[in-house]
Amino acid sequence: MKIIGIRKDRCTGCKTCELSCAVERCSEAKTLLGAVQETPLPQSRVRVEGGGGDAFPLQCRHCLQAPCIDACLSGALRRDGESGLVLIKEDLCIGCWTCIAFCPFGAIYPSPERKIVLKCDRCLYMEKPVCVDVCPTGALEVVDLAEIEDLIAEKRRVTAQAAAAAPQEGLVLLDLER
């Protein structure tokens, strides 16, 4: 499964991803000039939280055990069998906001004007997520979850080797600074 990876050290908090998401995904005009004239204003499915050196683009993580799906009273939130993504069927959403309360990342947003919730669907029907495509610093990228799991496995292997090389007696402390 492909996920959106975030290189936190590259995010400047410019909100280009937020603006582009709102225009591309929620605007009828599909242009910035047209979008700012729409009522209600288009809402983004990704939000940049924090600012300066502390900015972080936040979007749905499509959890493997997604509490929002279980919390959804109307069955509007479902896992897509083909992509594995958590998607919303807008016509079934009753705007109760229960999923918002259960999302562990705060990545589901209310749209009171439309009486539904909005969440990232990773631009499923596009070649590449718009937020990834427009990020000027490359802070967002699409990565394969298997590659991430391989990276984590390598880190575990290196940590296990370091622990095995430590003296057999006493407390083993791993260097957390590296």
C-alpha atoms as a PDB file:
ATOM      1  CA  MET A   1       0.000   0.000   0.000  1.00  0.00           C
ATOM      2  CA  LYS A   2       1.235   3.480  -0.806  1.00  0.00           C
ATOM      3  CA  ILE A   3       1.168   6.158   1.889  1.00  0.00           C
ATOM      4  CA  ILE A   4       2.019   9.846   2.036  1.00  0.00           C
ATOM      5  CA  GLY A   5       5.319  10.271   3.830  1.00  0.00           C
ATOM      6  CA  ILE A   6       6.204  13.548   5.502  1.00  0.00           C
ATOM      7  CA  ARG A   7       9.730  14.929   5.725  1.00  0.00           C
ATOM      8  CA  LYS A   8       9.145  17.206   8.686  1.00  0.00           C
ATOM      9  CA  ASP A   9      12.517  18.925   8.322  1.00  0.00           C
ATOM     10  CA  ARG A  10      11.462  20.187   4.878  1.00  0.00           C
ATOM     11  CA  CYS A  11       8.014  21.569   5.755  1.00  0.00           C
ATOM     12  CA  THR A  12       8.058  25.366   5.993  1.00  0.00           C
ATOM     13  CA  GLY A  13       4.360  25.716   6.808  1.00  0.00           C
ATOM     14  CA  CYS A  14       3.630  27.534   3.528  1.00  0.00           C
ATOM     15  CA  LYS A  15       0.229  25.786   3.231  1.00  0.00           C
ATOM     16  CA  THR A  16       0.557  25.334  -0.534  1.00  0.00           C
ATOM     17  CA  CYS A  17      -0.685  21.761  -0.049  1.00  0.00           C
ATOM     18  CA  GLU A  18      -3.732  23.002   1.890  1.00  0.00           C
ATOM     19  CA  LEU A  19      -4.661  25.628  -0.679  1.00  0.00           C
ATOM     20  CA  SER A  20      -4.174  23.316  -3.655  1.00  0.00           C
ATOM     21  CA  CYS A  21      -6.192  20.541  -2.005  1.00  0.00           C
ATOM     22  CA  ALA A  22      -9.121  22.884  -1.387  1.00  0.00           C
ATOM     23  CA  VAL A  23      -9.066  24.156  -4.973  1.00  0.00           C
ATOM     24  CA  GLU A  24      -8.603  20.773  -6.647  1.00  0.00           C
ATOM     25  CA  ARG A  25     -10.801  18.614  -4.416  1.00  0.00           C
ATOM     26  CA  CYS A  26     -13.577  20.862  -3.122  1.00  0.00           C
ATOM     27  CA  SER A  27     -13.892  23.680  -5.629  1.00  0.00           C
ATOM     28  CA  GLU A  28     -16.226  23.669  -8.591  1.00  0.00           C
ATOM     29  CA  ALA A  29     -14.079  26.182 -10.489  1.00  0.00           C
ATOM     30  CA  LYS A  30     -10.796  24.260  -9.997  1.00  0.00           C
ATOM     31  CA  THR A  31      -8.917  27.585 -10.100  1.00  0.00           C
ATOM     32  CA  LEU A  32      -7.780  29.714  -7.160  1.00  0.00           C
ATOM     33  CA  LEU A  33      -9.541  32.814  -8.451  1.00  0.00           C
ATOM     34  CA  GLY A  34     -12.779  30.923  -8.946  1.00  0.00           C
ATOM     35  CA  ALA A  35     -12.494  29.070  -5.635  1.00  0.00           C
ATOM     36  CA  VAL A  36     -12.199  32.221  -3.502  1.00  0.00           C
ATOM     37  CA  GLN A  37     -15.458  33.489  -5.033  1.00  0.00           C
ATOM     38  CA  GLU A  38     -17.432  30.325  -4.193  1.00  0.00           C
ATOM     39  CA  THR A  39     -19.908  30.062  -1.345  1.00  0.00           C
ATOM     40  CA  PRO A  40     -19.210  28.205   0.809  1.00  0.00           C
ATOM     41  CA  LEU A  41     -15.454  28.484   0.415  1.00  0.00           C
ATOM     42  CA  PRO A  42     -13.814  25.184  -0.527  1.00  0.00           C
ATOM     43  CA  GLN A  43     -12.220  23.331   2.396  1.00  0.00           C
ATOM     44  CA  SER A  44      -8.973  21.414   2.313  1.00  0.00           C
ATOM     45  CA  ARG A  45      -8.668  17.753   3.256  1.00  0.00           C
ATOM     46  CA  VAL A  46      -5.127  18.322   4.523  1.00  0.00           C
ATOM     47  CA  ARG A  47      -4.225  20.846   7.230  1.00  0.00           C
ATOM     48  CA  VAL A  48      -0.856  22.287   8.130  1.00  0.00           C
ATOM     49  CA  GLU A  49      -0.622  22.522  11.897  1.00  0.00           C
ATOM     50  CA  GLY A  50       1.949  24.622  13.719  1.00  0.00           C
ATOM     51  CA  GLY A  51       4.172  27.123  12.023  1.00  0.00           C
ATOM     52  CA  GLY A  52       7.734  28.090  11.327  1.00  0.00           C
ATOM     53  CA  GLY A  53      10.070  25.239  12.210  1.00  0.00           C
ATOM     54  CA  ASP A  54       7.215  23.391  13.873  1.00  0.00           C
ATOM     55  CA  ALA A  55       4.859  22.955  10.878  1.00  0.00           C
ATOM     56  CA  PHE A  56       3.374  19.569  10.082  1.00  0.00           C
ATOM     57  CA  PRO A  57       1.004  18.680   7.218  1.00  0.00           C
ATOM     58  CA  LEU A  58      -1.724  16.509   8.686  1.00  0.00           C
ATOM     59  CA  GLN A  59      -3.936  14.225   6.603  1.00  0.00           C
ATOM     60  CA  CYS A  60      -5.760  10.950   7.136  1.00  0.00           C
ATOM     61  CA  ARG A  61      -3.335   8.121   7.887  1.00  0.00           C
ATOM     62  CA  HIS A  62      -5.805   5.459   6.680  1.00  0.00           C
ATOM     63  CA  CYS A  63      -5.183   3.432   9.856  1.00  0.00           C
ATOM     64  CA  LEU A  64      -5.153  -0.343   9.520  1.00  0.00           C
ATOM     65  CA  GLN A  65      -7.464  -0.506  12.539  1.00  0.00           C
ATOM     66  CA  ALA A  66      -9.388   2.687  11.852  1.00  0.00           C
ATOM     67  CA  PRO A  67     -11.490   3.738  14.863  1.00  0.00           C
ATOM     68  CA  CYS A  68     -13.395   6.215  12.698  1.00  0.00           C
ATOM     69  CA  ILE A  69     -14.929   3.360  10.704  1.00  0.00           C
ATOM     70  CA  ASP A  70     -16.209   1.692  13.870  1.00  0.00           C
ATOM     71  CA  ALA A  71     -17.492   5.023  15.203  1.00  0.00           C
ATOM     72  CA  CYS A  72     -19.396   5.968  12.031  1.00  0.00           C
ATOM     73  CA  LEU A  73     -23.103   5.716  12.856  1.00  0.00           C
ATOM     74  CA  SER A  74     -24.336   5.683   9.262  1.00  0.00           C
ATOM     75  CA  GLY A  75     -21.732   3.445   7.630  1.00  0.00           C
ATOM     76  CA  ALA A  76     -20.470   6.333   5.496  1.00  0.00           C
ATOM     77  CA  LEU A  77     -16.833   5.580   6.331  1.00  0.00           C
ATOM     78  CA  ARG A  78     -15.596   2.367   4.755  1.00  0.00           C
ATOM     79  CA  ARG A  79     -12.350   0.726   3.780  1.00  0.00           C
ATOM     80  CA  ASP A  80     -11.961   0.416   0.030  1.00  0.00           C
ATOM     81  CA  GLY A  81     -11.238  -3.225  -0.733  1.00  0.00           C
ATOM     82  CA  GLU A  82      -9.020  -2.457  -3.712  1.00  0.00           C
ATOM     83  CA  SER A  83      -6.848   0.403  -2.386  1.00  0.00           C
ATOM     84  CA  GLY A  84      -7.090  -0.258   1.361  1.00  0.00           C
ATOM     85  CA  LEU A  85      -7.915   3.418   1.947  1.00  0.00           C
ATOM     86  CA  VAL A  86     -10.561   4.661   4.374  1.00  0.00           C
ATOM     87  CA  LEU A  87     -13.082   6.498   2.202  1.00  0.00           C
ATOM     88  CA  ILE A  88     -16.278   8.412   2.867  1.00  0.00           C
ATOM     89  CA  LYS A  89     -19.503   7.938   0.962  1.00  0.00           C
ATOM     90  CA  GLU A  90     -20.720  11.513   1.215  1.00  0.00           C
ATOM     91  CA  ASP A  91     -24.323  10.617   0.412  1.00  0.00           C
ATOM     92  CA  LEU A  92     -24.445   8.416   3.549  1.00  0.00           C
ATOM     93  CA  CYS A  93     -22.780  10.887   5.936  1.00  0.00           C
ATOM     94  CA  ILE A  94     -25.260  12.416   8.390  1.00  0.00           C
ATOM     95  CA  GLY A  95     -22.855  15.004   9.812  1.00  0.00           C
ATOM     96  CA  CYS A  96     -22.922  13.629  13.358  1.00  0.00           C
ATOM     97  CA  TRP A  97     -19.132  14.222  13.724  1.00  0.00           C
ATOM     98  CA  THR A  98     -18.635  11.008  15.731  1.00  0.00           C
ATOM     99  CA  CYS A  99     -15.731   9.971  13.492  1.00  0.00           C
ATOM    100  CA  ILE A 100     -14.025  13.298  14.225  1.00  0.00           C
ATOM    101  CA  ALA A 101     -14.075  12.506  17.939  1.00  0.00           C
ATOM    102  CA  PHE A 102     -12.603   9.040  17.383  1.00  0.00           C
ATOM    103  CA  CYS A 103      -9.850   9.925  14.895  1.00  0.00           C
ATOM    104  CA  PRO A 104      -6.582   9.575  16.838  1.00  0.00           C
ATOM    105  CA  PHE A 105      -4.822  12.103  14.566  1.00  0.00           C
ATOM    106  CA  GLY A 106      -7.494  14.807  14.283  1.00  0.00           C
ATOM    107  CA  ALA A 107      -7.409  14.348  10.524  1.00  0.00           C
ATOM    108  CA  ILE A 108     -11.168  14.341   9.829  1.00  0.00           C
ATOM    109  CA  TYR A 109     -12.750  17.775   9.485  1.00  0.00           C
ATOM    110  CA  PRO A 110     -16.358  18.985   9.688  1.00  0.00           C
ATOM    111  CA  SER A 111     -17.988  20.734   6.767  1.00  0.00           C
ATOM    112  CA  PRO A 112     -20.996  22.293   8.521  1.00  0.00           C
ATOM    113  CA  GLU A 113     -22.218  23.988   5.346  1.00  0.00           C
ATOM    114  CA  ARG A 114     -22.433  20.643   3.527  1.00  0.00           C
ATOM    115  CA  LYS A 115     -23.367  18.692   6.696  1.00  0.00           C
ATOM    116  CA  ILE A 116     -20.678  16.077   6.050  1.00  0.00           C
ATOM    117  CA  VAL A 117     -17.121  15.358   7.110  1.00  0.00           C
ATOM    118  CA  LEU A 118     -14.087  15.820   4.908  1.00  0.00           C
ATOM    119  CA  LYS A 119     -11.012  13.637   4.987  1.00  0.00           C
ATOM    120  CA  CYS A 120      -8.101  12.852   2.735  1.00  0.00           C
ATOM    121  CA  ASP A 121      -8.774  10.118   0.196  1.00  0.00           C
ATOM    122  CA  ARG A 122      -5.193  10.408  -1.094  1.00  0.00           C
ATOM    123  CA  CYS A 123      -6.609  11.719  -4.382  1.00  0.00           C
ATOM    124  CA  LEU A 124      -7.451   8.111  -5.168  1.00  0.00           C
ATOM    125  CA  TYR A 125      -8.743   8.870  -8.653  1.00  0.00           C
ATOM    126  CA  MET A 126      -5.759  11.007  -9.630  1.00  0.00           C
ATOM    127  CA  GLU A 127      -2.305   9.892 -10.720  1.00  0.00           C
ATOM    128  CA  LYS A 128      -0.659  11.566  -7.725  1.00  0.00           C
ATOM    129  CA  PRO A 129      -2.050  13.318  -4.609  1.00  0.00           C
ATOM    130  CA  VAL A 130      -2.281  17.038  -5.315  1.00  0.00           C
ATOM    131  CA  CYS A 131      -0.600  17.931  -1.994  1.00  0.00           C
ATOM    132  CA  VAL A 132       2.447  15.846  -2.942  1.00  0.00           C
ATOM    133  CA  ASP A 133       2.507  17.261  -6.468  1.00  0.00           C
ATOM    134  CA  VAL A 134       2.524  20.932  -5.392  1.00  0.00           C
ATOM    135  CA  CYS A 135       4.763  20.851  -2.303  1.00  0.00           C
ATOM    136  CA  PRO A 136       7.574  23.288  -3.172  1.00  0.00           C
ATOM    137  CA  THR A 137      10.091  21.749  -0.739  1.00  0.00           C
ATOM    138  CA  GLY A 138       9.345  18.057  -1.344  1.00  0.00           C
ATOM    139  CA  ALA A 139       8.191  17.616   2.254  1.00  0.00           C
ATOM    140  CA  LEU A 140       5.402  15.299   1.067  1.00  0.00           C
ATOM    141  CA  GLU A 141       6.030  12.196  -0.982  1.00  0.00           C
ATOM    142  CA  VAL A 142       4.256   8.986  -1.865  1.00  0.00           C
ATOM    143  CA  VAL A 143       6.104   5.981  -0.457  1.00  0.00           C
ATOM    144  CA  ASP A 144       5.419   2.280  -0.492  1.00  0.00           C
ATOM    145  CA  LEU A 145       4.594   0.926   2.965  1.00  0.00           C
ATOM    146  CA  ALA A 146       6.716  -2.156   2.217  1.00  0.00           C
ATOM    147  CA  GLU A 147       9.768   0.115   1.768  1.00  0.00           C
ATOM    148  CA  ILE A 148       9.080   1.721   5.151  1.00  0.00           C
ATOM    149  CA  GLU A 149       8.744  -1.708   6.759  1.00  0.00           C
ATOM    150  CA  ASP A 150      12.097  -2.740   5.202  1.00  0.00           C
ATOM    151  CA  LEU A 151      13.717   0.418   6.609  1.00  0.00           C
ATOM    152  CA  ILE A 152      12.299  -0.285  10.076  1.00  0.00           C
ATOM    153  CA  ALA A 153      13.464  -3.915   9.892  1.00  0.00           C
ATOM    154  CA  GLU A 154      16.990  -2.721   9.058  1.00  0.00           C
ATOM    155  CA  LYS A 155      16.945  -0.330  12.038  1.00  0.00           C
ATOM    156  CA  ARG A 156      15.806  -3.186  14.291  1.00  0.00           C
ATOM    157  CA  ARG A 157      18.615  -5.388  12.967  1.00  0.00           C
ATOM    158  CA  VAL A 158      21.252  -2.709  13.659  1.00  0.00           C
ATOM    159  CA  THR A 159      19.824  -2.113  17.149  1.00  0.00           C
ATOM    160  CA  ALA A 160      19.818  -5.848  17.896  1.00  0.00           C
ATOM    161  CA  GLN A 161      23.460  -6.112  16.769  1.00  0.00           C
ATOM    162  CA  ALA A 162      24.438  -3.183  19.006  1.00  0.00           C
ATOM    163  CA  ALA A 163      22.656  -4.778  21.959  1.00  0.00           C
ATOM    164  CA  ALA A 164      24.292  -8.146  21.259  1.00  0.00           C
ATOM    165  CA  ALA A 165      27.751  -6.514  21.263  1.00  0.00           C
ATOM    166  CA  ALA A 166      27.156  -5.008  24.733  1.00  0.00           C
ATOM    167  CA  PRO A 167      28.549  -6.723  27.833  1.00  0.00           C
ATOM    168  CA  GLN A 168      26.429  -9.670  28.950  1.00  0.00           C
ATOM    169  CA  GLU A 169      25.991  -8.460  32.523  1.00  0.00           C
ATOM    170  CA  GLY A 170      24.259  -5.372  33.802  1.00  0.00           C
ATOM    171  CA  LEU A 171      21.935  -2.889  32.170  1.00  0.00           C
ATOM    172  CA  VAL A 172      22.245  -2.340  28.410  1.00  0.00           C
ATOM    173  CA  LEU A 173      21.638   1.242  27.333  1.00  0.00           C
ATOM    174  CA  LEU A 174      21.308   2.001  23.649  1.00  0.00           C
ATOM    175  CA  ASP A 175      22.529   5.370  22.426  1.00  0.00           C
ATOM    176  CA  LEU A 176      19.344   7.332  21.776  1.00  0.00           C
ATOM    177  CA  GLU A 177      21.195  10.326  20.340  1.00  0.00           C
ATOM    178  CA  ARG A 178      21.867   8.656  16.981  1.00  0.00           C
END
